[in-house]
Amino acid sequence: MNAALKPEQLIADVDHAHLDALEEEAIFILREVAASFERPALLFSGGKDSCVVLRLAEKAFKLRDASHPSGFKGSLPFPLVHIDTGHNFPEVITFRDQRVAEMEERLVVGHLEDSIAKGTIRLAHPLESRNGHQTVTLLETIEEHKFDALIGGARRDEEKARAKERIFSHRDSFGQWQPKEQRPELWTLFNTRIRPGEHFRCFPISNWTELDVWLYIARENIPLPPMYFAHQRQVMRRKGLLVPLTDVTPPLEGETVETVEVRFRTVGDMTCTCPVESPARNAIDVVAETLTVTVSERGATRMDDRTSEASMEKRKKEGYF
């Protein structure tokens, strides 16, 4: 009978040629963005996908330097951008600020609270999910800084609407996406024609899967917020999800608060992001878990994506990332 292998023994035997090819493609895309647009920016939320894109950007534009806190020296040819809903997990904001300071890069933060103060966003009630509303703040931030391309960590395996995206995804002068009018990308030739007021969303890791991301995180030892790994957290069981106990997600009448060992597969607005039960304490453990899952991280952990099959596509047409 074959003896069971530990996860780290399996990972050691992984053929890295696939990851090398994905990395090469992503670095090529990042350099194309920098060469094709005047005012690009990289969306950095502190989530795992944006952390991977950030590492790829370091490899694309910086030099290795073991003496530097970040491991690289030099500057990126674009700023980092984060849309802060005001309902982000504190651990993520702390990590974001530490990572940016370590890299000595410029961070542009668009605050949803500012949009509320201006009256461009109106909430139905104080605890309403702000996730969908951040589209307005994103478009206002793009307009204020005149960005003509935004680089993000969206992947095609996450959700049906994202599977329709081009790598260079055009947005009209209203910031909207038209899925039936996308430009072809034959032979990896990207169409970058743009009119005043328009911009592009560019996705270097479109062809990656959640497993690829975690394999790369493990290989590159990429730092992440600690909530991506197993920890004790108070939650409520609600409609098949573990809703974290926070100031903006209090227990409903009749719900019981439990302390459960969990990790997050994705991070976002506290009002719609849920963890999963897991003992995985490092990236290799997460890789082993990811090999067995059958539901995408958005489907398993995002309350707002369960409202309908077309919920993400509707938001993307309006300008959501």
C-alpha atoms as a PDB file:
ATOM      1  CA  MET A   1       0.000   0.000   0.000  1.00  0.00           C
ATOM      2  CA  ASN A   2       1.298   3.452  -0.898  1.00  0.00           C
ATOM      3  CA  ALA A   3       2.178   5.657   2.072  1.00  0.00           C
ATOM      4  CA  ALA A   4       0.429   9.033   2.302  1.00  0.00           C
ATOM      5  CA  LEU A   5       2.531  12.012   1.265  1.00  0.00           C
ATOM      6  CA  LYS A   6       2.676  15.316   3.074  1.00  0.00           C
ATOM      7  CA  PRO A   7       1.587  18.404   1.061  1.00  0.00           C
ATOM      8  CA  GLU A   8       5.126  19.842   1.013  1.00  0.00           C
ATOM      9  CA  GLN A   9       6.376  16.594  -0.575  1.00  0.00           C
ATOM     10  CA  LEU A  10       3.818  16.937  -3.369  1.00  0.00           C
ATOM     11  CA  ILE A  11       4.628  20.614  -3.988  1.00  0.00           C
ATOM     12  CA  ALA A  12       8.329  19.842  -4.306  1.00  0.00           C
ATOM     13  CA  ASP A  13       7.537  17.627  -7.317  1.00  0.00           C
ATOM     14  CA  VAL A  14       5.441  20.243  -9.140  1.00  0.00           C
ATOM     15  CA  ASP A  15       6.719  21.058 -12.624  1.00  0.00           C
ATOM     16  CA  HIS A  16       7.281  24.822 -12.472  1.00  0.00           C
ATOM     17  CA  ALA A  17       7.347  25.187 -16.272  1.00  0.00           C
ATOM     18  CA  HIS A  18       3.628  26.037 -16.196  1.00  0.00           C
ATOM     19  CA  LEU A  19       4.134  28.755 -13.566  1.00  0.00           C
ATOM     20  CA  ASP A  20       7.147  30.079 -15.469  1.00  0.00           C
ATOM     21  CA  ALA A  21       5.012  30.416 -18.618  1.00  0.00           C
ATOM     22  CA  LEU A  22       2.235  32.217 -16.741  1.00  0.00           C
ATOM     23  CA  GLU A  23       4.775  34.521 -15.109  1.00  0.00           C
ATOM     24  CA  GLU A  24       6.400  35.334 -18.451  1.00  0.00           C
ATOM     25  CA  GLU A  25       3.029  36.148 -20.024  1.00  0.00           C
ATOM     26  CA  ALA A  26       2.004  38.373 -17.100  1.00  0.00           C
ATOM     27  CA  ILE A  27       5.292  40.293 -17.137  1.00  0.00           C
ATOM     28  CA  PHE A  28       4.906  40.811 -20.887  1.00  0.00           C
ATOM     29  CA  ILE A  29       1.386  42.194 -20.342  1.00  0.00           C
ATOM     30  CA  LEU A  30       2.557  44.544 -17.574  1.00  0.00           C
ATOM     31  CA  ARG A  31       5.295  45.928 -19.790  1.00  0.00           C
ATOM     32  CA  GLU A  32       2.810  46.368 -22.644  1.00  0.00           C
ATOM     33  CA  VAL A  33       0.567  48.423 -20.351  1.00  0.00           C
ATOM     34  CA  ALA A  34       3.459  50.636 -19.273  1.00  0.00           C
ATOM     35  CA  ALA A  35       4.517  51.152 -22.904  1.00  0.00           C
ATOM     36  CA  SER A  36       1.028  51.739 -24.329  1.00  0.00           C
ATOM     37  CA  PHE A  37      -0.592  54.169 -21.879  1.00  0.00           C
ATOM     38  CA  GLU A  38       0.337  57.561 -20.466  1.00  0.00           C
ATOM     39  CA  ARG A  39      -1.164  57.295 -16.964  1.00  0.00           C
ATOM     40  CA  PRO A  40      -1.565  53.652 -15.892  1.00  0.00           C
ATOM     41  CA  ALA A  41      -2.073  52.535 -12.278  1.00  0.00           C
ATOM     42  CA  LEU A  42      -2.113  49.217 -10.437  1.00  0.00           C
ATOM     43  CA  LEU A  43      -5.098  48.386  -8.249  1.00  0.00           C
ATOM     44  CA  PHE A  44      -3.793  47.082  -4.931  1.00  0.00           C
ATOM     45  CA  SER A  45      -6.314  45.965  -2.325  1.00  0.00           C
ATOM     46  CA  GLY A  46      -3.980  43.808  -0.237  1.00  0.00           C
ATOM     47  CA  GLY A  47      -5.771  40.676  -1.467  1.00  0.00           C
ATOM     48  CA  LYS A  48      -3.898  37.612  -2.693  1.00  0.00           C
ATOM     49  CA  ASP A  49      -4.415  38.289  -6.414  1.00  0.00           C
ATOM     50  CA  SER A  50      -3.273  41.901  -6.177  1.00  0.00           C
ATOM     51  CA  CYS A  51      -0.271  40.760  -4.104  1.00  0.00           C
ATOM     52  CA  VAL A  52       0.672  38.359  -6.910  1.00  0.00           C
ATOM     53  CA  VAL A  53       0.290  41.101  -9.546  1.00  0.00           C
ATOM     54  CA  LEU A  54       2.404  43.399  -7.392  1.00  0.00           C
ATOM     55  CA  ARG A  55       5.187  40.784  -7.219  1.00  0.00           C
ATOM     56  CA  LEU A  56       4.977  40.359 -11.001  1.00  0.00           C
ATOM     57  CA  ALA A  57       5.271  44.151 -11.398  1.00  0.00           C
ATOM     58  CA  GLU A  58       8.364  44.114  -9.188  1.00  0.00           C
ATOM     59  CA  LYS A  59       9.903  41.472 -11.428  1.00  0.00           C
ATOM     60  CA  ALA A  60       8.899  43.400 -14.562  1.00  0.00           C
ATOM     61  CA  PHE A  61      10.295  46.792 -13.552  1.00  0.00           C
ATOM     62  CA  LYS A  62      12.680  46.440 -10.594  1.00  0.00           C
ATOM     63  CA  LEU A  63      16.017  44.835  -9.797  1.00  0.00           C
ATOM     64  CA  ARG A  64      16.559  42.124  -7.209  1.00  0.00           C
ATOM     65  CA  ASP A  65      18.221  43.478  -4.080  1.00  0.00           C
ATOM     66  CA  ALA A  66      18.466  41.220  -1.039  1.00  0.00           C
ATOM     67  CA  SER A  67      19.456  44.184   1.138  1.00  0.00           C
ATOM     68  CA  HIS A  68      16.192  46.051   0.467  1.00  0.00           C
ATOM     69  CA  PRO A  69      13.229  45.314   2.817  1.00  0.00           C
ATOM     70  CA  SER A  70      11.039  44.385  -0.143  1.00  0.00           C
ATOM     71  CA  GLY A  71      13.737  42.355  -1.922  1.00  0.00           C
ATOM     72  CA  PHE A  72      13.728  44.717  -4.911  1.00  0.00           C
ATOM     73  CA  LYS A  73      15.149  48.170  -5.609  1.00  0.00           C
ATOM     74  CA  GLY A  74      13.820  50.834  -7.953  1.00  0.00           C
ATOM     75  CA  SER A  75      10.345  52.249  -8.525  1.00  0.00           C
ATOM     76  CA  LEU A  76       7.313  51.068 -10.434  1.00  0.00           C
ATOM     77  CA  PRO A  77       6.325  53.215 -13.447  1.00  0.00           C
ATOM     78  CA  PHE A  78       2.840  53.707 -12.026  1.00  0.00           C
ATOM     79  CA  PRO A  79       1.176  54.347  -8.636  1.00  0.00           C
ATOM     80  CA  LEU A  80      -0.839  51.854  -6.613  1.00  0.00           C
ATOM     81  CA  VAL A  81      -4.572  52.535  -6.179  1.00  0.00           C
ATOM     82  CA  HIS A  82      -7.009  51.250  -3.561  1.00  0.00           C
ATOM     83  CA  ILE A  83     -10.711  52.002  -3.248  1.00  0.00           C
ATOM     84  CA  ASP A  84     -11.420  52.011   0.484  1.00  0.00           C
ATOM     85  CA  THR A  85     -15.077  51.310   1.264  1.00  0.00           C
ATOM     86  CA  GLY A  86     -14.642  52.161   4.937  1.00  0.00           C
ATOM     87  CA  HIS A  87     -15.781  48.599   5.672  1.00  0.00           C
ATOM     88  CA  ASN A  88     -12.499  46.864   4.880  1.00  0.00           C
ATOM     89  CA  PHE A  89     -11.052  44.361   7.331  1.00  0.00           C
ATOM     90  CA  PRO A  90      -8.573  46.214   9.602  1.00  0.00           C
ATOM     91  CA  GLU A  91      -5.967  43.475   9.074  1.00  0.00           C
ATOM     92  CA  VAL A  92      -6.007  44.152   5.326  1.00  0.00           C
ATOM     93  CA  ILE A  93      -5.604  47.925   5.668  1.00  0.00           C
ATOM     94  CA  THR A  94      -2.701  47.432   8.095  1.00  0.00           C
ATOM     95  CA  PHE A  95      -1.039  45.000   5.695  1.00  0.00           C
ATOM     96  CA  ARG A  96      -1.632  47.322   2.715  1.00  0.00           C
ATOM     97  CA  ASP A  97       0.037  50.270   4.423  1.00  0.00           C
ATOM     98  CA  GLN A  98       2.977  48.180   5.656  1.00  0.00           C
ATOM     99  CA  ARG A  99       3.574  46.681   2.205  1.00  0.00           C
ATOM    100  CA  VAL A 100       3.436  50.055   0.431  1.00  0.00           C
ATOM    101  CA  ALA A 101       5.796  51.636   2.976  1.00  0.00           C
ATOM    102  CA  GLU A 102       8.211  48.712   2.633  1.00  0.00           C
ATOM    103  CA  MET A 103       8.238  49.100  -1.161  1.00  0.00           C
ATOM    104  CA  GLU A 104       8.473  52.912  -0.972  1.00  0.00           C
ATOM    105  CA  GLU A 105       5.778  53.270  -3.623  1.00  0.00           C
ATOM    106  CA  ARG A 106       3.040  55.861  -4.071  1.00  0.00           C
ATOM    107  CA  LEU A 107      -0.462  54.855  -2.928  1.00  0.00           C
ATOM    108  CA  VAL A 108      -3.601  56.636  -4.127  1.00  0.00           C
ATOM    109  CA  VAL A 109      -6.644  55.888  -1.954  1.00  0.00           C
ATOM    110  CA  GLY A 110     -10.174  56.645  -3.103  1.00  0.00           C
ATOM    111  CA  HIS A 111     -12.439  56.841  -0.062  1.00  0.00           C
ATOM    112  CA  LEU A 112     -16.076  55.850  -0.403  1.00  0.00           C
ATOM    113  CA  GLU A 113     -16.789  58.107   2.571  1.00  0.00           C
ATOM    114  CA  ASP A 114     -15.788  61.081   0.382  1.00  0.00           C
ATOM    115  CA  SER A 115     -18.344  60.022  -2.247  1.00  0.00           C
ATOM    116  CA  ILE A 116     -21.011  59.783   0.458  1.00  0.00           C
ATOM    117  CA  ALA A 117     -20.078  63.262   1.699  1.00  0.00           C
ATOM    118  CA  LYS A 118     -20.379  64.650  -1.853  1.00  0.00           C
ATOM    119  CA  GLY A 119     -23.756  63.010  -2.335  1.00  0.00           C
ATOM    120  CA  THR A 120     -22.703  60.853  -5.291  1.00  0.00           C
ATOM    121  CA  ILE A 121     -23.394  57.768  -3.147  1.00  0.00           C
ATOM    122  CA  ARG A 122     -26.497  57.450  -1.010  1.00  0.00           C
ATOM    123  CA  LEU A 123     -26.907  54.500   1.302  1.00  0.00           C
ATOM    124  CA  ALA A 124     -30.311  53.048   2.101  1.00  0.00           C
ATOM    125  CA  HIS A 125     -29.141  52.431   5.703  1.00  0.00           C
ATOM    126  CA  PRO A 126     -25.784  52.697   7.545  1.00  0.00           C
ATOM    127  CA  LEU A 127     -25.046  48.948   7.475  1.00  0.00           C
ATOM    128  CA  GLU A 128     -25.825  48.489   3.776  1.00  0.00           C
ATOM    129  CA  SER A 129     -23.106  46.651   1.841  1.00  0.00           C
ATOM    130  CA  ARG A 130     -20.785  49.155   0.216  1.00  0.00           C
ATOM    131  CA  ASN A 131     -19.233  46.660  -2.175  1.00  0.00           C
ATOM    132  CA  GLY A 132     -21.364  47.587  -5.185  1.00  0.00           C
ATOM    133  CA  HIS A 133     -21.187  51.286  -4.382  1.00  0.00           C
ATOM    134  CA  GLN A 134     -17.405  51.411  -4.758  1.00  0.00           C
ATOM    135  CA  THR A 135     -17.893  51.613  -8.543  1.00  0.00           C
ATOM    136  CA  VAL A 136     -18.787  55.291  -8.108  1.00  0.00           C
ATOM    137  CA  THR A 137     -15.670  56.021  -6.043  1.00  0.00           C
ATOM    138  CA  LEU A 138     -13.507  54.084  -8.501  1.00  0.00           C
ATOM    139  CA  LEU A 139     -14.770  56.107 -11.465  1.00  0.00           C
ATOM    140  CA  GLU A 140     -14.344  59.354  -9.523  1.00  0.00           C
ATOM    141  CA  THR A 141     -10.758  58.383  -8.680  1.00  0.00           C
ATOM    142  CA  ILE A 142     -10.044  57.567 -12.327  1.00  0.00           C
ATOM    143  CA  GLU A 143     -11.437  60.947 -13.388  1.00  0.00           C
ATOM    144  CA  GLU A 144      -9.556  62.887 -10.704  1.00  0.00           C
ATOM    145  CA  HIS A 145      -6.170  61.377 -11.579  1.00  0.00           C
ATOM    146  CA  LYS A 146      -6.837  60.974 -15.334  1.00  0.00           C
ATOM    147  CA  PHE A 147      -5.840  57.302 -15.326  1.00  0.00           C
ATOM    148  CA  ASP A 148      -6.082  55.722 -18.788  1.00  0.00           C
ATOM    149  CA  ALA A 149      -5.372  52.130 -17.734  1.00  0.00           C
ATOM    150  CA  LEU A 150      -5.950  50.235 -14.498  1.00  0.00           C
ATOM    151  CA  ILE A 151      -4.108  46.969 -13.875  1.00  0.00           C
ATOM    152  CA  GLY A 152      -5.945  44.443 -11.742  1.00  0.00           C
ATOM    153  CA  GLY A 153      -5.823  40.878 -10.497  1.00  0.00           C
ATOM    154  CA  ALA A 154      -9.117  39.558 -11.900  1.00  0.00           C
ATOM    155  CA  ARG A 155      -8.989  35.981 -13.187  1.00  0.00           C
ATOM    156  CA  ARG A 156     -11.250  34.220 -15.671  1.00  0.00           C
ATOM    157  CA  ASP A 157     -11.913  31.260 -13.363  1.00  0.00           C
ATOM    158  CA  GLU A 158     -13.449  33.427 -10.631  1.00  0.00           C
ATOM    159  CA  GLU A 159     -16.864  34.091 -12.113  1.00  0.00           C
ATOM    160  CA  LYS A 160     -18.835  33.797 -15.380  1.00  0.00           C
ATOM    161  CA  ALA A 161     -18.720  37.501 -16.231  1.00  0.00           C
ATOM    162  CA  ARG A 162     -14.959  37.663 -15.685  1.00  0.00           C
ATOM    163  CA  ALA A 163     -14.558  34.702 -18.034  1.00  0.00           C
ATOM    164  CA  LYS A 164     -15.861  36.977 -20.828  1.00  0.00           C
ATOM    165  CA  GLU A 165     -13.173  39.633 -20.312  1.00  0.00           C
ATOM    166  CA  ARG A 166     -10.348  40.410 -22.686  1.00  0.00           C
ATOM    167  CA  ILE A 167      -6.888  40.909 -21.175  1.00  0.00           C
ATOM    168  CA  PHE A 168      -7.061  44.558 -22.309  1.00  0.00           C
ATOM    169  CA  SER A 169     -10.686  45.377 -21.548  1.00  0.00           C
ATOM    170  CA  HIS A 170     -12.027  48.623 -22.983  1.00  0.00           C
ATOM    171  CA  ARG A 171     -14.208  51.017 -20.948  1.00  0.00           C
ATOM    172  CA  ASP A 172     -16.181  53.827 -22.589  1.00  0.00           C
ATOM    173  CA  SER A 173     -16.242  57.471 -21.502  1.00  0.00           C
ATOM    174  CA  PHE A 174     -18.820  56.573 -18.823  1.00  0.00           C
ATOM    175  CA  GLY A 175     -16.497  53.893 -17.421  1.00  0.00           C
ATOM    176  CA  GLN A 176     -18.828  51.151 -18.615  1.00  0.00           C
ATOM    177  CA  TRP A 177     -18.059  47.738 -20.099  1.00  0.00           C
ATOM    178  CA  GLN A 178     -19.896  46.485 -23.175  1.00  0.00           C
ATOM    179  CA  PRO A 179     -19.461  42.668 -23.282  1.00  0.00           C
ATOM    180  CA  LYS A 180     -20.863  42.390 -26.821  1.00  0.00           C
ATOM    181  CA  GLU A 181     -18.458  44.991 -28.224  1.00  0.00           C
ATOM    182  CA  GLN A 182     -15.109  43.660 -27.057  1.00  0.00           C
ATOM    183  CA  ARG A 183     -12.048  43.955 -29.239  1.00  0.00           C
ATOM    184  CA  PRO A 184     -10.313  40.820 -30.560  1.00  0.00           C
ATOM    185  CA  GLU A 185      -6.881  39.833 -29.200  1.00  0.00           C
ATOM    186  CA  LEU A 186      -5.584  37.543 -31.928  1.00  0.00           C
ATOM    187  CA  TRP A 187      -1.964  36.376 -31.671  1.00  0.00           C
ATOM    188  CA  THR A 188      -1.605  38.249 -28.358  1.00  0.00           C
ATOM    189  CA  LEU A 189      -1.912  41.582 -30.151  1.00  0.00           C
ATOM    190  CA  PHE A 190      -3.697  44.011 -27.842  1.00  0.00           C
ATOM    191  CA  ASN A 191      -5.917  46.751 -29.236  1.00  0.00           C
ATOM    192  CA  THR A 192      -5.113  49.894 -27.239  1.00  0.00           C
ATOM    193  CA  ARG A 193      -6.993  52.516 -29.271  1.00  0.00           C
ATOM    194  CA  ILE A 194      -8.541  54.969 -26.876  1.00  0.00           C
ATOM    195  CA  ARG A 195     -10.555  58.195 -27.111  1.00  0.00           C
ATOM    196  CA  PRO A 196     -10.517  61.063 -24.599  1.00  0.00           C
ATOM    197  CA  GLY A 197     -12.291  60.077 -21.388  1.00  0.00           C
ATOM    198  CA  GLU A 198     -12.034  56.342 -22.048  1.00  0.00           C
ATOM    199  CA  HIS A 199      -9.756  53.896 -20.272  1.00  0.00           C
ATOM    200  CA  PHE A 200      -8.733  50.257 -20.156  1.00  0.00           C
ATOM    201  CA  ARG A 201      -8.796  47.618 -17.447  1.00  0.00           C
ATOM    202  CA  CYS A 202      -5.828  45.282 -17.899  1.00  0.00           C
ATOM    203  CA  PHE A 203      -5.624  41.797 -16.378  1.00  0.00           C
ATOM    204  CA  PRO A 204      -2.128  40.204 -16.391  1.00  0.00           C
ATOM    205  CA  ILE A 205      -3.270  37.044 -14.562  1.00  0.00           C
ATOM    206  CA  SER A 206      -6.440  36.426 -16.583  1.00  0.00           C
ATOM    207  CA  ASN A 207      -5.240  32.947 -17.523  1.00  0.00           C
ATOM    208  CA  TRP A 208      -4.299  31.949 -13.971  1.00  0.00           C
ATOM    209  CA  THR A 209      -6.462  29.825 -11.680  1.00  0.00           C
ATOM    210  CA  GLU A 210      -6.813  30.026  -7.901  1.00  0.00           C
ATOM    211  CA  LEU A 211      -4.466  27.026  -7.708  1.00  0.00           C
ATOM    212  CA  ASP A 212      -1.882  28.785  -9.895  1.00  0.00           C
ATOM    213  CA  VAL A 213      -2.039  31.828  -7.616  1.00  0.00           C
ATOM    214  CA  TRP A 214      -1.404  29.778  -4.486  1.00  0.00           C
ATOM    215  CA  LEU A 215       1.370  27.755  -6.124  1.00  0.00           C
ATOM    216  CA  TYR A 216       3.042  31.033  -7.088  1.00  0.00           C
ATOM    217  CA  ILE A 217       2.569  32.507  -3.601  1.00  0.00           C
ATOM    218  CA  ALA A 218       4.198  29.400  -2.135  1.00  0.00           C
ATOM    219  CA  ARG A 219       7.062  29.421  -4.639  1.00  0.00           C
ATOM    220  CA  GLU A 220       7.786  33.150  -4.343  1.00  0.00           C
ATOM    221  CA  ASN A 221       7.084  33.388  -0.598  1.00  0.00           C
ATOM    222  CA  ILE A 222       4.769  36.374  -1.229  1.00  0.00           C
ATOM    223  CA  PRO A 223       3.565  38.114   1.958  1.00  0.00           C
ATOM    224  CA  LEU A 224      -0.206  38.167   2.546  1.00  0.00           C
ATOM    225  CA  PRO A 225      -2.573  39.440   5.242  1.00  0.00           C
ATOM    226  CA  PRO A 226      -2.665  36.831   8.055  1.00  0.00           C
ATOM    227  CA  MET A 227      -6.426  36.289   7.636  1.00  0.00           C
ATOM    228  CA  TYR A 228      -5.683  34.177   4.527  1.00  0.00           C
ATOM    229  CA  PHE A 229      -4.482  31.452   6.888  1.00  0.00           C
ATOM    230  CA  ALA A 230      -6.167  29.501   9.692  1.00  0.00           C
ATOM    231  CA  HIS A 231      -7.130  31.515  12.758  1.00  0.00           C
ATOM    232  CA  GLN A 232      -9.914  31.615  15.333  1.00  0.00           C
ATOM    233  CA  ARG A 233     -12.783  33.971  14.469  1.00  0.00           C
ATOM    234  CA  GLN A 234     -16.307  34.576  15.737  1.00  0.00           C
ATOM    235  CA  VAL A 235     -18.892  33.818  13.057  1.00  0.00           C
ATOM    236  CA  MET A 236     -22.602  33.224  12.503  1.00  0.00           C
ATOM    237  CA  ARG A 237     -23.904  30.462  10.234  1.00  0.00           C
ATOM    238  CA  ARG A 238     -26.189  32.116   7.700  1.00  0.00           C
ATOM    239  CA  LYS A 239     -27.560  30.628   4.452  1.00  0.00           C
ATOM    240  CA  GLY A 240     -24.709  28.156   4.173  1.00  0.00           C
ATOM    241  CA  LEU A 241     -22.009  30.787   4.804  1.00  0.00           C
ATOM    242  CA  LEU A 242     -19.914  31.726   7.834  1.00  0.00           C
ATOM    243  CA  VAL A 243     -20.593  35.428   8.373  1.00  0.00           C
ATOM    244  CA  PRO A 244     -17.827  37.088  10.419  1.00  0.00           C
ATOM    245  CA  LEU A 245     -18.922  38.972  13.528  1.00  0.00           C
ATOM    246  CA  THR A 246     -18.033  42.667  13.029  1.00  0.00           C
ATOM    247  CA  ASP A 247     -19.527  46.063  13.820  1.00  0.00           C
ATOM    248  CA  VAL A 248     -21.186  46.109  10.397  1.00  0.00           C
ATOM    249  CA  THR A 249     -22.270  42.433  10.407  1.00  0.00           C
ATOM    250  CA  PRO A 250     -23.942  41.888  13.785  1.00  0.00           C
ATOM    251  CA  PRO A 251     -25.871  38.679  14.508  1.00  0.00           C
ATOM    252  CA  LEU A 252     -29.474  38.544  13.366  1.00  0.00           C
ATOM    253  CA  GLU A 253     -32.271  37.640  15.747  1.00  0.00           C
ATOM    254  CA  GLY A 254     -31.989  33.974  16.683  1.00  0.00           C
ATOM    255  CA  GLU A 255     -28.445  33.516  15.392  1.00  0.00           C
ATOM    256  CA  THR A 256     -25.736  31.985  17.556  1.00  0.00           C
ATOM    257  CA  VAL A 257     -22.193  33.357  17.571  1.00  0.00           C
ATOM    258  CA  GLU A 258     -19.545  30.601  17.353  1.00  0.00           C
ATOM    259  CA  THR A 259     -15.748  30.649  17.472  1.00  0.00           C
ATOM    260  CA  VAL A 260     -14.468  28.624  14.521  1.00  0.00           C
ATOM    261  CA  GLU A 261     -11.069  27.954  12.952  1.00  0.00           C
ATOM    262  CA  VAL A 262     -11.327  29.626   9.547  1.00  0.00           C
ATOM    263  CA  ARG A 263      -9.381  31.263   6.753  1.00  0.00           C
ATOM    264  CA  PHE A 264     -10.439  33.663   3.996  1.00  0.00           C
ATOM    265  CA  ARG A 265     -10.179  32.645   0.345  1.00  0.00           C
ATOM    266  CA  THR A 266     -10.743  36.239  -0.744  1.00  0.00           C
ATOM    267  CA  VAL A 267     -10.920  39.551   1.098  1.00  0.00           C
ATOM    268  CA  GLY A 268     -13.222  42.477   0.433  1.00  0.00           C
ATOM    269  CA  ASP A 269     -15.965  44.506   2.059  1.00  0.00           C
ATOM    270  CA  MET A 270     -16.783  43.055   5.502  1.00  0.00           C
ATOM    271  CA  THR A 271     -20.501  43.151   4.751  1.00  0.00           C
ATOM    272  CA  CYS A 272     -20.278  40.541   1.995  1.00  0.00           C
ATOM    273  CA  THR A 273     -17.063  38.525   2.491  1.00  0.00           C
ATOM    274  CA  CYS A 274     -17.109  35.269   4.442  1.00  0.00           C
ATOM    275  CA  PRO A 275     -14.404  32.837   5.542  1.00  0.00           C
ATOM    276  CA  VAL A 276     -14.381  29.057   5.194  1.00  0.00           C
ATOM    277  CA  GLU A 277     -13.560  26.464   7.830  1.00  0.00           C
ATOM    278  CA  SER A 278      -9.949  25.442   7.379  1.00  0.00           C
ATOM    279  CA  PRO A 279      -6.851  24.300   9.314  1.00  0.00           C
ATOM    280  CA  ALA A 280      -4.481  25.562   6.542  1.00  0.00           C
ATOM    281  CA  ARG A 281      -1.715  27.573   8.208  1.00  0.00           C
ATOM    282  CA  ASN A 282       0.571  28.300   5.257  1.00  0.00           C
ATOM    283  CA  ALA A 283       0.516  28.546   1.462  1.00  0.00           C
ATOM    284  CA  ILE A 284       1.427  24.889   0.943  1.00  0.00           C
ATOM    285  CA  ASP A 285      -1.507  23.808   3.135  1.00  0.00           C
ATOM    286  CA  VAL A 286      -3.792  26.072   1.095  1.00  0.00           C
ATOM    287  CA  VAL A 287      -2.522  24.532  -2.148  1.00  0.00           C
ATOM    288  CA  ALA A 288      -3.453  21.084  -0.831  1.00  0.00           C
ATOM    289  CA  GLU A 289      -6.960  22.335   0.046  1.00  0.00           C
ATOM    290  CA  THR A 290      -7.393  24.122  -3.271  1.00  0.00           C
ATOM    291  CA  LEU A 291      -6.743  20.877  -5.135  1.00  0.00           C
ATOM    292  CA  THR A 292      -9.964  19.470  -3.647  1.00  0.00           C
ATOM    293  CA  VAL A 293     -12.422  22.388  -3.906  1.00  0.00           C
ATOM    294  CA  THR A 294     -15.193  22.435  -6.506  1.00  0.00           C
ATOM    295  CA  VAL A 295     -16.599  25.945  -5.892  1.00  0.00           C
ATOM    296  CA  SER A 296     -14.761  29.156  -6.830  1.00  0.00           C
ATOM    297  CA  GLU A 297     -13.716  31.466  -4.020  1.00  0.00           C
ATOM    298  CA  ARG A 298     -16.351  34.051  -4.996  1.00  0.00           C
ATOM    299  CA  GLY A 299     -19.095  31.446  -5.071  1.00  0.00           C
ATOM    300  CA  ALA A 300     -18.029  30.024  -1.724  1.00  0.00           C
ATOM    301  CA  THR A 301     -17.441  33.245   0.192  1.00  0.00           C
ATOM    302  CA  ARG A 302     -19.221  36.254  -1.351  1.00  0.00           C
ATOM    303  CA  MET A 303     -22.783  36.985  -0.256  1.00  0.00           C
ATOM    304  CA  ASP A 304     -23.346  39.652  -2.920  1.00  0.00           C
ATOM    305  CA  ASP A 305     -22.563  37.240  -5.775  1.00  0.00           C
ATOM    306  CA  ARG A 306     -25.368  34.911  -4.687  1.00  0.00           C
ATOM    307  CA  THR A 307     -28.148  37.362  -5.464  1.00  0.00           C
ATOM    308  CA  SER A 308     -28.366  36.206  -9.101  1.00  0.00           C
ATOM    309  CA  GLU A 309     -26.355  34.535 -11.859  1.00  0.00           C
ATOM    310  CA  ALA A 310     -25.861  37.931 -13.519  1.00  0.00           C
ATOM    311  CA  SER A 311     -24.990  40.007 -10.440  1.00  0.00           C
ATOM    312  CA  MET A 312     -21.308  40.426 -11.319  1.00  0.00           C
ATOM    313  CA  GLU A 313     -21.947  41.129 -15.000  1.00  0.00           C
ATOM    314  CA  LYS A 314     -24.479  43.825 -14.115  1.00  0.00           C
ATOM    315  CA  ARG A 315     -21.948  45.546 -11.823  1.00  0.00           C
ATOM    316  CA  LYS A 316     -19.168  45.252 -14.384  1.00  0.00           C
ATOM    317  CA  LYS A 317     -21.304  46.918 -17.055  1.00  0.00           C
ATOM    318  CA  GLU A 318     -21.720  49.830 -14.672  1.00  0.00           C
ATOM    319  CA  GLY A 319     -17.956  50.164 -14.131  1.00  0.00           C
ATOM    320  CA  TYR A 320     -17.142  47.719 -11.313  1.00  0.00           C
ATOM    321  CA  PHE A 321     -13.735  46.138 -11.577  1.00  0.00           C
END
